[in-house]
Amino acid sequence: MDIKEYFARISYRGSYNKPDLATMSEIFLHHIQAVPFENLSIHCGESIELNLEATYNKIVRKKRGGWCMENNYLLSWVLKTLGYDVTLLGAKVYVAELDAYPDEIDHLLLRVELDGKSYIVDGGFGMAYQLWQPMELISGTDQPQTPGVFRFQEESGTWYLEKVKRKQWVLNPSSSTPQNVEYEVCRRIYLFTLQPRDIEEFRGCNAHLQTAPDSLFVTKSICSLQTADGIRALVGWKLTEIKYNYRDNMDLVEIRILADEEIEKTLKEKFNITLDKKLVPVNTSRLSLF
């Protein structure tokens, strides 16, 4: 594993000799705009390994993406290699349709201590709730970013991440997301504590999410990538492209349903992904990703 090879993968050409906030933020942005959030391995008959060298090979050398336990585990190696103080944390992702959090942690994120402050670094959430910058770990303060306004709320040692959403201008609303989700103003994303975690604590979660019949990642094939001004996502056969803050605090949303023969070409052209095995698209869950 070589840090310069990783930088070439994410097209980062800046300096990295000083572990400061500006460097971390720039590397982070390059990562999320180069490395997709995706679970395509599951729908190609491959397993997702919780192994740093396997993840490095997949993301850096094969130019694939990954989910939280791949993206953030790789980012933890990158930041530690550059001299940052990194701790793994575990989160429980909010399920809007159930208005509930799971019983067990199902998301990996990073805490970075820097110049007397704590930051949350999460390059593995994807879709429209992906952070574009590290967030300072402070409660009740709005932290505006390009995707929208994020903030943490802390209650008795439990931290909640939420996003204030903009209105959406959907060009073709007939195929848009359900109305009750579409017009939320504020969306909970996940909760977490500051209890340090070891990567071994995520092995059960890593196996469960790619095998359980009711897992979101089993019921949907997902590939999303942050762009210069928004996000694009392929979920099943549905390609969604969003431009953030297109006008008047409103996001522009365009949705298209692809034919089977368009999938492979779209993955290559829109996400820079070429798969070793044939993808079988899936989108059977009603759970919303937007």
C-alpha atoms as a PDB file:
ATOM      1  CA  MET A   1       0.000   0.000   0.000  1.00  0.00           C
ATOM      2  CA  ASP A   2       1.455   3.301  -1.097  1.00  0.00           C
ATOM      3  CA  ILE A   3       0.137   6.767  -0.208  1.00  0.00           C
ATOM      4  CA  LYS A   4       1.257   8.249  -3.542  1.00  0.00           C
ATOM      5  CA  GLU A   5      -0.648   5.560  -5.421  1.00  0.00           C
ATOM      6  CA  TYR A   6      -3.745   6.455  -3.373  1.00  0.00           C
ATOM      7  CA  PHE A   7      -3.269  10.161  -4.181  1.00  0.00           C
ATOM      8  CA  ALA A   8      -3.083   9.301  -7.890  1.00  0.00           C
ATOM      9  CA  ARG A   9      -6.366   7.367  -7.531  1.00  0.00           C
ATOM     10  CA  ILE A  10      -8.159  10.420  -6.109  1.00  0.00           C
ATOM     11  CA  SER A  11      -6.290  12.934  -8.331  1.00  0.00           C
ATOM     12  CA  TYR A  12      -4.853  14.756  -5.323  1.00  0.00           C
ATOM     13  CA  ARG A  13      -1.776  16.799  -6.187  1.00  0.00           C
ATOM     14  CA  GLY A  14      -1.535  19.076  -3.155  1.00  0.00           C
ATOM     15  CA  SER A  15       0.954  19.022  -0.310  1.00  0.00           C
ATOM     16  CA  TYR A  16       0.667  16.507   2.507  1.00  0.00           C
ATOM     17  CA  ASN A  17       3.684  17.167   4.698  1.00  0.00           C
ATOM     18  CA  LYS A  18       1.685  19.023   7.347  1.00  0.00           C
ATOM     19  CA  PRO A  19      -1.289  17.294   9.030  1.00  0.00           C
ATOM     20  CA  ASP A  20      -3.604  20.304   9.269  1.00  0.00           C
ATOM     21  CA  LEU A  21      -7.333  20.869   8.698  1.00  0.00           C
ATOM     22  CA  ALA A  22      -6.909  22.345   5.201  1.00  0.00           C
ATOM     23  CA  THR A  23      -4.949  19.315   3.966  1.00  0.00           C
ATOM     24  CA  MET A  24      -7.384  16.834   5.504  1.00  0.00           C
ATOM     25  CA  SER A  25     -10.372  18.676   4.044  1.00  0.00           C
ATOM     26  CA  GLU A  26      -8.859  18.764   0.551  1.00  0.00           C
ATOM     27  CA  ILE A  27      -7.928  15.076   0.571  1.00  0.00           C
ATOM     28  CA  PHE A  28     -11.393  14.221   1.879  1.00  0.00           C
ATOM     29  CA  LEU A  29     -13.150  16.155  -0.905  1.00  0.00           C
ATOM     30  CA  HIS A  30     -10.973  14.524  -3.557  1.00  0.00           C
ATOM     31  CA  HIS A  31     -11.811  11.111  -2.098  1.00  0.00           C
ATOM     32  CA  ILE A  32     -15.596  11.471  -2.184  1.00  0.00           C
ATOM     33  CA  GLN A  33     -15.503  12.914  -5.714  1.00  0.00           C
ATOM     34  CA  ALA A  34     -13.335  10.058  -7.008  1.00  0.00           C
ATOM     35  CA  VAL A  35     -14.397   6.991  -5.011  1.00  0.00           C
ATOM     36  CA  PRO A  36     -18.064   5.959  -5.330  1.00  0.00           C
ATOM     37  CA  PHE A  37     -20.173   4.780  -2.427  1.00  0.00           C
ATOM     38  CA  GLU A  38     -21.307   1.417  -3.762  1.00  0.00           C
ATOM     39  CA  ASN A  39     -22.352  -2.119  -2.845  1.00  0.00           C
ATOM     40  CA  LEU A  40     -22.140  -3.611  -6.332  1.00  0.00           C
ATOM     41  CA  SER A  41     -20.014  -6.553  -5.187  1.00  0.00           C
ATOM     42  CA  ILE A  42     -23.046  -8.017  -3.441  1.00  0.00           C
ATOM     43  CA  HIS A  43     -24.983  -7.992  -6.722  1.00  0.00           C
ATOM     44  CA  CYS A  44     -22.093  -9.403  -8.736  1.00  0.00           C
ATOM     45  CA  GLY A  45     -21.741 -12.523  -6.613  1.00  0.00           C
ATOM     46  CA  GLU A  46     -18.690 -11.210  -4.740  1.00  0.00           C
ATOM     47  CA  SER A  47     -18.177 -10.821  -0.995  1.00  0.00           C
ATOM     48  CA  ILE A  48     -17.056  -7.583   0.679  1.00  0.00           C
ATOM     49  CA  GLU A  49     -13.995  -8.216   2.818  1.00  0.00           C
ATOM     50  CA  LEU A  50     -13.222  -6.230   5.949  1.00  0.00           C
ATOM     51  CA  ASN A  51      -9.510  -6.260   5.235  1.00  0.00           C
ATOM     52  CA  LEU A  52      -7.440  -3.137   4.676  1.00  0.00           C
ATOM     53  CA  GLU A  53      -5.183  -4.560   1.967  1.00  0.00           C
ATOM     54  CA  ALA A  54      -8.153  -6.064   0.099  1.00  0.00           C
ATOM     55  CA  THR A  55      -9.964  -2.725   0.336  1.00  0.00           C
ATOM     56  CA  TYR A  56      -6.888  -0.862  -0.895  1.00  0.00           C
ATOM     57  CA  ASN A  57      -6.590  -3.224  -3.848  1.00  0.00           C
ATOM     58  CA  LYS A  58     -10.277  -2.850  -4.694  1.00  0.00           C
ATOM     59  CA  ILE A  59     -10.547   0.940  -4.394  1.00  0.00           C
ATOM     60  CA  VAL A  60      -7.069   2.115  -5.402  1.00  0.00           C
ATOM     61  CA  ARG A  61      -5.903  -0.464  -7.930  1.00  0.00           C
ATOM     62  CA  LYS A  62      -9.200  -1.693  -9.401  1.00  0.00           C
ATOM     63  CA  LYS A  63     -10.733   1.802  -9.212  1.00  0.00           C
ATOM     64  CA  ARG A  64     -13.873   0.562  -7.519  1.00  0.00           C
ATOM     65  CA  GLY A  65     -15.832   2.145  -4.692  1.00  0.00           C
ATOM     66  CA  GLY A  66     -17.069   0.734  -1.430  1.00  0.00           C
ATOM     67  CA  TRP A  67     -19.415   1.205   1.493  1.00  0.00           C
ATOM     68  CA  CYS A  68     -18.690   2.811   4.877  1.00  0.00           C
ATOM     69  CA  MET A  69     -16.500   0.047   6.251  1.00  0.00           C
ATOM     70  CA  GLU A  70     -14.321   0.179   3.138  1.00  0.00           C
ATOM     71  CA  ASN A  71     -14.165   3.926   2.453  1.00  0.00           C
ATOM     72  CA  ASN A  72     -13.661   5.000   6.051  1.00  0.00           C
ATOM     73  CA  TYR A  73     -11.278   2.166   6.934  1.00  0.00           C
ATOM     74  CA  LEU A  74      -9.136   3.201   3.961  1.00  0.00           C
ATOM     75  CA  LEU A  75      -9.398   6.871   4.962  1.00  0.00           C
ATOM     76  CA  SER A  76      -8.284   5.987   8.493  1.00  0.00           C
ATOM     77  CA  TRP A  77      -5.125   4.405   7.033  1.00  0.00           C
ATOM     78  CA  VAL A  78      -4.533   7.464   4.820  1.00  0.00           C
ATOM     79  CA  LEU A  79      -4.905   9.937   7.687  1.00  0.00           C
ATOM     80  CA  LYS A  80      -2.838   7.884  10.134  1.00  0.00           C
ATOM     81  CA  THR A  81      -0.104   7.556   7.497  1.00  0.00           C
ATOM     82  CA  LEU A  82      -0.053  11.353   7.218  1.00  0.00           C
ATOM     83  CA  GLY A  83       0.256  11.804  10.988  1.00  0.00           C
ATOM     84  CA  TYR A  84      -3.344  12.474  12.074  1.00  0.00           C
ATOM     85  CA  ASP A  85      -4.796  11.210  15.368  1.00  0.00           C
ATOM     86  CA  VAL A  86      -7.661   8.964  14.211  1.00  0.00           C
ATOM     87  CA  THR A  87     -10.209   6.936  16.192  1.00  0.00           C
ATOM     88  CA  LEU A  88     -12.832   4.568  14.744  1.00  0.00           C
ATOM     89  CA  LEU A  89     -16.410   5.163  15.927  1.00  0.00           C
ATOM     90  CA  GLY A  90     -19.617   3.204  15.404  1.00  0.00           C
ATOM     91  CA  ALA A  91     -23.001   4.665  14.452  1.00  0.00           C
ATOM     92  CA  LYS A  92     -26.591   3.520  14.034  1.00  0.00           C
ATOM     93  CA  VAL A  93     -28.201   4.773  10.825  1.00  0.00           C
ATOM     94  CA  TYR A  94     -31.692   6.268  11.128  1.00  0.00           C
ATOM     95  CA  VAL A  95     -34.443   4.529   9.132  1.00  0.00           C
ATOM     96  CA  ALA A  96     -36.962   7.246   8.253  1.00  0.00           C
ATOM     97  CA  GLU A  97     -39.737   4.880   7.206  1.00  0.00           C
ATOM     98  CA  LEU A  98     -39.603   3.162  10.603  1.00  0.00           C
ATOM     99  CA  ASP A  99     -38.730   6.316  12.576  1.00  0.00           C
ATOM    100  CA  ALA A 100     -36.169   4.232  14.408  1.00  0.00           C
ATOM    101  CA  TYR A 101     -32.498   3.376  14.827  1.00  0.00           C
ATOM    102  CA  PRO A 102     -31.227  -0.232  14.766  1.00  0.00           C
ATOM    103  CA  ASP A 103     -30.225  -2.042  17.949  1.00  0.00           C
ATOM    104  CA  GLU A 104     -26.623  -2.583  16.828  1.00  0.00           C
ATOM    105  CA  ILE A 105     -24.064  -0.315  15.156  1.00  0.00           C
ATOM    106  CA  ASP A 106     -24.192  -0.529  11.354  1.00  0.00           C
ATOM    107  CA  HIS A 107     -21.953   2.339  10.253  1.00  0.00           C
ATOM    108  CA  LEU A 108     -18.252   3.111  10.621  1.00  0.00           C
ATOM    109  CA  LEU A 109     -17.041   6.713  10.904  1.00  0.00           C
ATOM    110  CA  LEU A 110     -13.873   8.478  12.038  1.00  0.00           C
ATOM    111  CA  ARG A 111     -13.002  10.959  14.779  1.00  0.00           C
ATOM    112  CA  VAL A 112      -9.880  13.049  14.224  1.00  0.00           C
ATOM    113  CA  GLU A 113      -8.228  15.084  16.995  1.00  0.00           C
ATOM    114  CA  LEU A 114      -6.521  18.145  15.552  1.00  0.00           C
ATOM    115  CA  ASP A 115      -5.195  21.312  17.207  1.00  0.00           C
ATOM    116  CA  GLY A 116      -7.279  20.763  20.347  1.00  0.00           C
ATOM    117  CA  LYS A 117     -10.523  20.164  18.442  1.00  0.00           C
ATOM    118  CA  SER A 118     -12.420  17.020  17.410  1.00  0.00           C
ATOM    119  CA  TYR A 119     -13.702  16.454  13.878  1.00  0.00           C
ATOM    120  CA  ILE A 120     -15.953  13.800  12.412  1.00  0.00           C
ATOM    121  CA  VAL A 121     -14.679  12.503   9.083  1.00  0.00           C
ATOM    122  CA  ASP A 122     -17.159  10.305   7.199  1.00  0.00           C
ATOM    123  CA  GLY A 123     -16.440   9.504   3.571  1.00  0.00           C
ATOM    124  CA  GLY A 124     -18.670   6.449   3.514  1.00  0.00           C
ATOM    125  CA  PHE A 125     -22.302   7.501   3.698  1.00  0.00           C
ATOM    126  CA  GLY A 126     -22.944   8.346   0.072  1.00  0.00           C
ATOM    127  CA  MET A 127     -26.101   9.581  -1.628  1.00  0.00           C
ATOM    128  CA  ALA A 128     -27.409  13.053  -0.720  1.00  0.00           C
ATOM    129  CA  TYR A 129     -26.355  12.779   2.949  1.00  0.00           C
ATOM    130  CA  GLN A 130     -22.638  12.542   2.267  1.00  0.00           C
ATOM    131  CA  LEU A 131     -20.572  15.173   4.100  1.00  0.00           C
ATOM    132  CA  TRP A 132     -18.311  17.224   1.836  1.00  0.00           C
ATOM    133  CA  GLN A 133     -16.055  18.461   4.650  1.00  0.00           C
ATOM    134  CA  PRO A 134     -14.951  17.221   8.067  1.00  0.00           C
ATOM    135  CA  MET A 135     -17.385  18.462  10.726  1.00  0.00           C
ATOM    136  CA  GLU A 136     -16.267  19.934  14.007  1.00  0.00           C
ATOM    137  CA  LEU A 137     -17.733  17.924  16.873  1.00  0.00           C
ATOM    138  CA  ILE A 138     -19.840  20.614  18.536  1.00  0.00           C
ATOM    139  CA  SER A 139     -23.497  20.400  19.486  1.00  0.00           C
ATOM    140  CA  GLY A 140     -26.291  22.613  18.217  1.00  0.00           C
ATOM    141  CA  THR A 141     -24.282  24.638  15.692  1.00  0.00           C
ATOM    142  CA  ASP A 142     -25.245  24.763  12.013  1.00  0.00           C
ATOM    143  CA  GLN A 143     -22.347  23.793   9.729  1.00  0.00           C
ATOM    144  CA  PRO A 144     -23.294  24.767   6.154  1.00  0.00           C
ATOM    145  CA  GLN A 145     -21.769  22.728   3.336  1.00  0.00           C
ATOM    146  CA  THR A 146     -22.483  22.456  -0.379  1.00  0.00           C
ATOM    147  CA  PRO A 147     -25.042  19.602   0.048  1.00  0.00           C
ATOM    148  CA  GLY A 148     -26.962  21.536   2.753  1.00  0.00           C
ATOM    149  CA  VAL A 149     -26.730  22.473   6.413  1.00  0.00           C
ATOM    150  CA  PHE A 150     -25.472  19.725   8.730  1.00  0.00           C
ATOM    151  CA  ARG A 151     -25.442  19.830  12.528  1.00  0.00           C
ATOM    152  CA  PHE A 152     -24.818  17.661  15.547  1.00  0.00           C
ATOM    153  CA  GLN A 153     -27.109  17.471  18.569  1.00  0.00           C
ATOM    154  CA  GLU A 154     -25.715  15.898  21.726  1.00  0.00           C
ATOM    155  CA  GLU A 155     -27.952  14.374  24.414  1.00  0.00           C
ATOM    156  CA  SER A 156     -26.496  12.580  27.438  1.00  0.00           C
ATOM    157  CA  GLY A 157     -23.417  11.392  25.574  1.00  0.00           C
ATOM    158  CA  THR A 158     -25.235  10.362  22.413  1.00  0.00           C
ATOM    159  CA  TRP A 159     -24.569  12.434  19.303  1.00  0.00           C
ATOM    160  CA  TYR A 160     -27.091  12.855  16.502  1.00  0.00           C
ATOM    161  CA  LEU A 161     -26.207  13.990  12.975  1.00  0.00           C
ATOM    162  CA  GLU A 162     -28.914  15.688  10.932  1.00  0.00           C
ATOM    163  CA  LYS A 163     -29.196  17.589   7.677  1.00  0.00           C
ATOM    164  CA  VAL A 164     -31.464  20.515   6.829  1.00  0.00           C
ATOM    165  CA  LYS A 165     -32.667  19.875   3.306  1.00  0.00           C
ATOM    166  CA  ARG A 166     -33.340  22.340   0.527  1.00  0.00           C
ATOM    167  CA  LYS A 167     -36.448  22.243  -1.574  1.00  0.00           C
ATOM    168  CA  GLN A 168     -36.155  20.159  -4.721  1.00  0.00           C
ATOM    169  CA  TRP A 169     -37.073  20.999  -8.283  1.00  0.00           C
ATOM    170  CA  VAL A 170     -37.753  17.601  -9.861  1.00  0.00           C
ATOM    171  CA  LEU A 171     -37.715  17.777 -13.655  1.00  0.00           C
ATOM    172  CA  ASN A 172     -39.744  14.593 -14.045  1.00  0.00           C
ATOM    173  CA  PRO A 173     -41.748  14.153 -10.820  1.00  0.00           C
ATOM    174  CA  SER A 174     -43.655  11.075 -11.996  1.00  0.00           C
ATOM    175  CA  SER A 175     -40.678   8.894 -11.116  1.00  0.00           C
ATOM    176  CA  SER A 176     -39.514  10.823  -8.050  1.00  0.00           C
ATOM    177  CA  THR A 177     -39.305   9.637  -4.471  1.00  0.00           C
ATOM    178  CA  PRO A 178     -42.427   9.360  -2.271  1.00  0.00           C
ATOM    179  CA  GLN A 179     -43.977  12.680  -1.353  1.00  0.00           C
ATOM    180  CA  ASN A 180     -43.692  12.272   2.410  1.00  0.00           C
ATOM    181  CA  VAL A 181     -39.913  11.872   2.095  1.00  0.00           C
ATOM    182  CA  GLU A 182     -39.562  14.463  -0.651  1.00  0.00           C
ATOM    183  CA  TYR A 183     -40.794  17.335   1.503  1.00  0.00           C
ATOM    184  CA  GLU A 184     -38.979  16.697   4.756  1.00  0.00           C
ATOM    185  CA  VAL A 185     -37.267  19.804   6.050  1.00  0.00           C
ATOM    186  CA  CYS A 186     -34.780  18.162   8.396  1.00  0.00           C
ATOM    187  CA  ARG A 187     -33.560  14.588   8.120  1.00  0.00           C
ATOM    188  CA  ARG A 188     -31.872  12.591  10.851  1.00  0.00           C
ATOM    189  CA  ILE A 189     -28.905  10.655   9.502  1.00  0.00           C
ATOM    190  CA  TYR A 190     -27.420   8.624  12.362  1.00  0.00           C
ATOM    191  CA  LEU A 191     -26.532   8.567  16.041  1.00  0.00           C
ATOM    192  CA  PHE A 192     -23.215   7.637  17.609  1.00  0.00           C
ATOM    193  CA  THR A 193     -21.211   7.778  20.819  1.00  0.00           C
ATOM    194  CA  LEU A 194     -17.548   8.638  21.284  1.00  0.00           C
ATOM    195  CA  GLN A 195     -16.675   5.110  22.433  1.00  0.00           C
ATOM    196  CA  PRO A 196     -13.543   4.065  20.495  1.00  0.00           C
ATOM    197  CA  ARG A 197     -14.090   1.013  18.308  1.00  0.00           C
ATOM    198  CA  ASP A 198     -11.815  -1.639  16.891  1.00  0.00           C
ATOM    199  CA  ILE A 199     -12.294  -2.811  13.294  1.00  0.00           C
ATOM    200  CA  GLU A 200     -13.024  -6.308  14.634  1.00  0.00           C
ATOM    201  CA  GLU A 201     -16.267  -4.949  16.127  1.00  0.00           C
ATOM    202  CA  PHE A 202     -17.592  -4.384  12.599  1.00  0.00           C
ATOM    203  CA  ARG A 203     -17.105  -7.929  11.282  1.00  0.00           C
ATOM    204  CA  GLY A 204     -20.591  -9.083  12.289  1.00  0.00           C
ATOM    205  CA  CYS A 205     -22.160  -5.968  10.808  1.00  0.00           C
ATOM    206  CA  ASN A 206     -20.139  -6.338   7.598  1.00  0.00           C
ATOM    207  CA  ALA A 207     -21.407  -9.907   7.155  1.00  0.00           C
ATOM    208  CA  HIS A 208     -24.996  -9.151   8.168  1.00  0.00           C
ATOM    209  CA  LEU A 209     -25.472  -6.188   5.819  1.00  0.00           C
ATOM    210  CA  GLN A 210     -24.471  -8.202   2.757  1.00  0.00           C
ATOM    211  CA  THR A 211     -26.480 -11.342   3.582  1.00  0.00           C
ATOM    212  CA  ALA A 212     -29.635 -10.473   5.577  1.00  0.00           C
ATOM    213  CA  PRO A 213     -32.743 -10.615   3.335  1.00  0.00           C
ATOM    214  CA  ASP A 214     -34.069  -7.335   4.772  1.00  0.00           C
ATOM    215  CA  SER A 215     -30.760  -5.465   4.495  1.00  0.00           C
ATOM    216  CA  LEU A 216     -30.964  -2.299   2.423  1.00  0.00           C
ATOM    217  CA  PHE A 217     -27.785  -3.367   0.663  1.00  0.00           C
ATOM    218  CA  VAL A 218     -29.288  -6.720  -0.333  1.00  0.00           C
ATOM    219  CA  THR A 219     -32.567  -5.224  -1.546  1.00  0.00           C
ATOM    220  CA  LYS A 220     -30.932  -2.385  -3.530  1.00  0.00           C
ATOM    221  CA  SER A 221     -27.889  -2.216  -5.800  1.00  0.00           C
ATOM    222  CA  ILE A 222     -26.365   1.184  -5.094  1.00  0.00           C
ATOM    223  CA  CYS A 223     -23.681   3.319  -6.681  1.00  0.00           C
ATOM    224  CA  SER A 224     -23.382   7.027  -5.860  1.00  0.00           C
ATOM    225  CA  LEU A 225     -20.678   9.598  -6.506  1.00  0.00           C
ATOM    226  CA  GLN A 226     -20.296  13.199  -5.420  1.00  0.00           C
ATOM    227  CA  THR A 227     -19.653  15.553  -8.359  1.00  0.00           C
ATOM    228  CA  ALA A 228     -18.284  19.093  -8.596  1.00  0.00           C
ATOM    229  CA  ASP A 229     -21.753  20.572  -7.971  1.00  0.00           C
ATOM    230  CA  GLY A 230     -23.933  17.726  -6.717  1.00  0.00           C
ATOM    231  CA  ILE A 231     -24.347  13.976  -6.788  1.00  0.00           C
ATOM    232  CA  ARG A 232     -25.252  11.197  -9.172  1.00  0.00           C
ATOM    233  CA  ALA A 233     -26.624   7.845  -8.057  1.00  0.00           C
ATOM    234  CA  LEU A 234     -27.653   4.604  -9.709  1.00  0.00           C
ATOM    235  CA  VAL A 235     -30.047   2.583  -7.556  1.00  0.00           C
ATOM    236  CA  GLY A 236     -31.291  -0.490  -9.364  1.00  0.00           C
ATOM    237  CA  TRP A 237     -32.158   0.889 -12.793  1.00  0.00           C
ATOM    238  CA  LYS A 238     -32.912   4.432 -11.546  1.00  0.00           C
ATOM    239  CA  LEU A 239     -30.281   7.062 -12.336  1.00  0.00           C
ATOM    240  CA  THR A 240     -30.698  10.239 -10.258  1.00  0.00           C
ATOM    241  CA  GLU A 241     -28.590  13.353 -10.816  1.00  0.00           C
ATOM    242  CA  ILE A 242     -28.771  16.315  -8.425  1.00  0.00           C
ATOM    243  CA  LYS A 243     -27.293  19.782  -8.751  1.00  0.00           C
ATOM    244  CA  TYR A 244     -27.089  21.419  -5.333  1.00  0.00           C
ATOM    245  CA  ASN A 245     -28.454  24.915  -4.822  1.00  0.00           C
ATOM    246  CA  TYR A 246     -29.331  25.228  -8.503  1.00  0.00           C
ATOM    247  CA  ARG A 247     -31.368  28.352  -7.800  1.00  0.00           C
ATOM    248  CA  ASP A 248     -33.143  30.055  -4.892  1.00  0.00           C
ATOM    249  CA  ASN A 249     -31.952  27.527  -2.290  1.00  0.00           C
ATOM    250  CA  MET A 250     -33.365  24.714  -4.415  1.00  0.00           C
ATOM    251  CA  ASP A 251     -31.710  21.535  -5.695  1.00  0.00           C
ATOM    252  CA  LEU A 252     -32.301  20.419  -9.280  1.00  0.00           C
ATOM    253  CA  VAL A 253     -33.201  16.712  -9.527  1.00  0.00           C
ATOM    254  CA  GLU A 254     -33.285  14.709 -12.737  1.00  0.00           C
ATOM    255  CA  ILE A 255     -34.317  11.055 -12.786  1.00  0.00           C
ATOM    256  CA  ARG A 256     -34.087   8.506 -15.585  1.00  0.00           C
ATOM    257  CA  ILE A 257     -34.874   4.802 -15.706  1.00  0.00           C
ATOM    258  CA  LEU A 258     -32.209   2.859 -17.572  1.00  0.00           C
ATOM    259  CA  ALA A 259     -32.586  -0.207 -19.732  1.00  0.00           C
ATOM    260  CA  ASP A 260     -30.505  -3.284 -18.856  1.00  0.00           C
ATOM    261  CA  GLU A 261     -28.161  -2.665 -21.771  1.00  0.00           C
ATOM    262  CA  GLU A 262     -27.395   0.868 -20.490  1.00  0.00           C
ATOM    263  CA  ILE A 263     -26.195  -0.188 -17.025  1.00  0.00           C
ATOM    264  CA  GLU A 264     -22.619  -1.182 -17.843  1.00  0.00           C
ATOM    265  CA  LYS A 265     -21.994   1.883 -20.019  1.00  0.00           C
ATOM    266  CA  THR A 266     -23.485   4.209 -17.381  1.00  0.00           C
ATOM    267  CA  LEU A 267     -21.279   2.767 -14.637  1.00  0.00           C
ATOM    268  CA  LYS A 268     -18.222   3.376 -16.806  1.00  0.00           C
ATOM    269  CA  GLU A 269     -19.138   6.865 -18.030  1.00  0.00           C
ATOM    270  CA  LYS A 270     -20.789   8.301 -14.896  1.00  0.00           C
ATOM    271  CA  PHE A 271     -18.902   6.511 -12.119  1.00  0.00           C
ATOM    272  CA  ASN A 272     -15.654   5.326 -13.758  1.00  0.00           C
ATOM    273  CA  ILE A 273     -16.426   1.756 -12.668  1.00  0.00           C
ATOM    274  CA  THR A 274     -15.722  -1.391 -14.662  1.00  0.00           C
ATOM    275  CA  LEU A 275     -16.899  -4.604 -13.012  1.00  0.00           C
ATOM    276  CA  ASP A 276     -15.191  -7.998 -13.231  1.00  0.00           C
ATOM    277  CA  LYS A 277     -18.495  -9.849 -13.055  1.00  0.00           C
ATOM    278  CA  LYS A 278     -21.952  -9.093 -14.409  1.00  0.00           C
ATOM    279  CA  LEU A 279     -24.132  -6.880 -12.239  1.00  0.00           C
ATOM    280  CA  VAL A 280     -27.689  -7.968 -11.521  1.00  0.00           C
ATOM    281  CA  PRO A 281     -29.495  -4.697 -10.619  1.00  0.00           C
ATOM    282  CA  VAL A 282     -31.912  -4.819  -7.680  1.00  0.00           C
ATOM    283  CA  ASN A 283     -34.328  -2.264  -6.232  1.00  0.00           C
ATOM    284  CA  THR A 284     -37.017  -4.041  -4.235  1.00  0.00           C
ATOM    285  CA  SER A 285     -36.972  -2.038  -1.001  1.00  0.00           C
ATOM    286  CA  ARG A 286     -39.214   0.963  -0.398  1.00  0.00           C
ATOM    287  CA  LEU A 287     -36.688   2.554   1.939  1.00  0.00           C
ATOM    288  CA  SER A 288     -35.675   5.970   0.597  1.00  0.00           C
ATOM    289  CA  LEU A 289     -32.056   6.943   0.033  1.00  0.00           C
ATOM    290  CA  PHE A 290     -32.852  10.604  -0.607  1.00  0.00           C
END
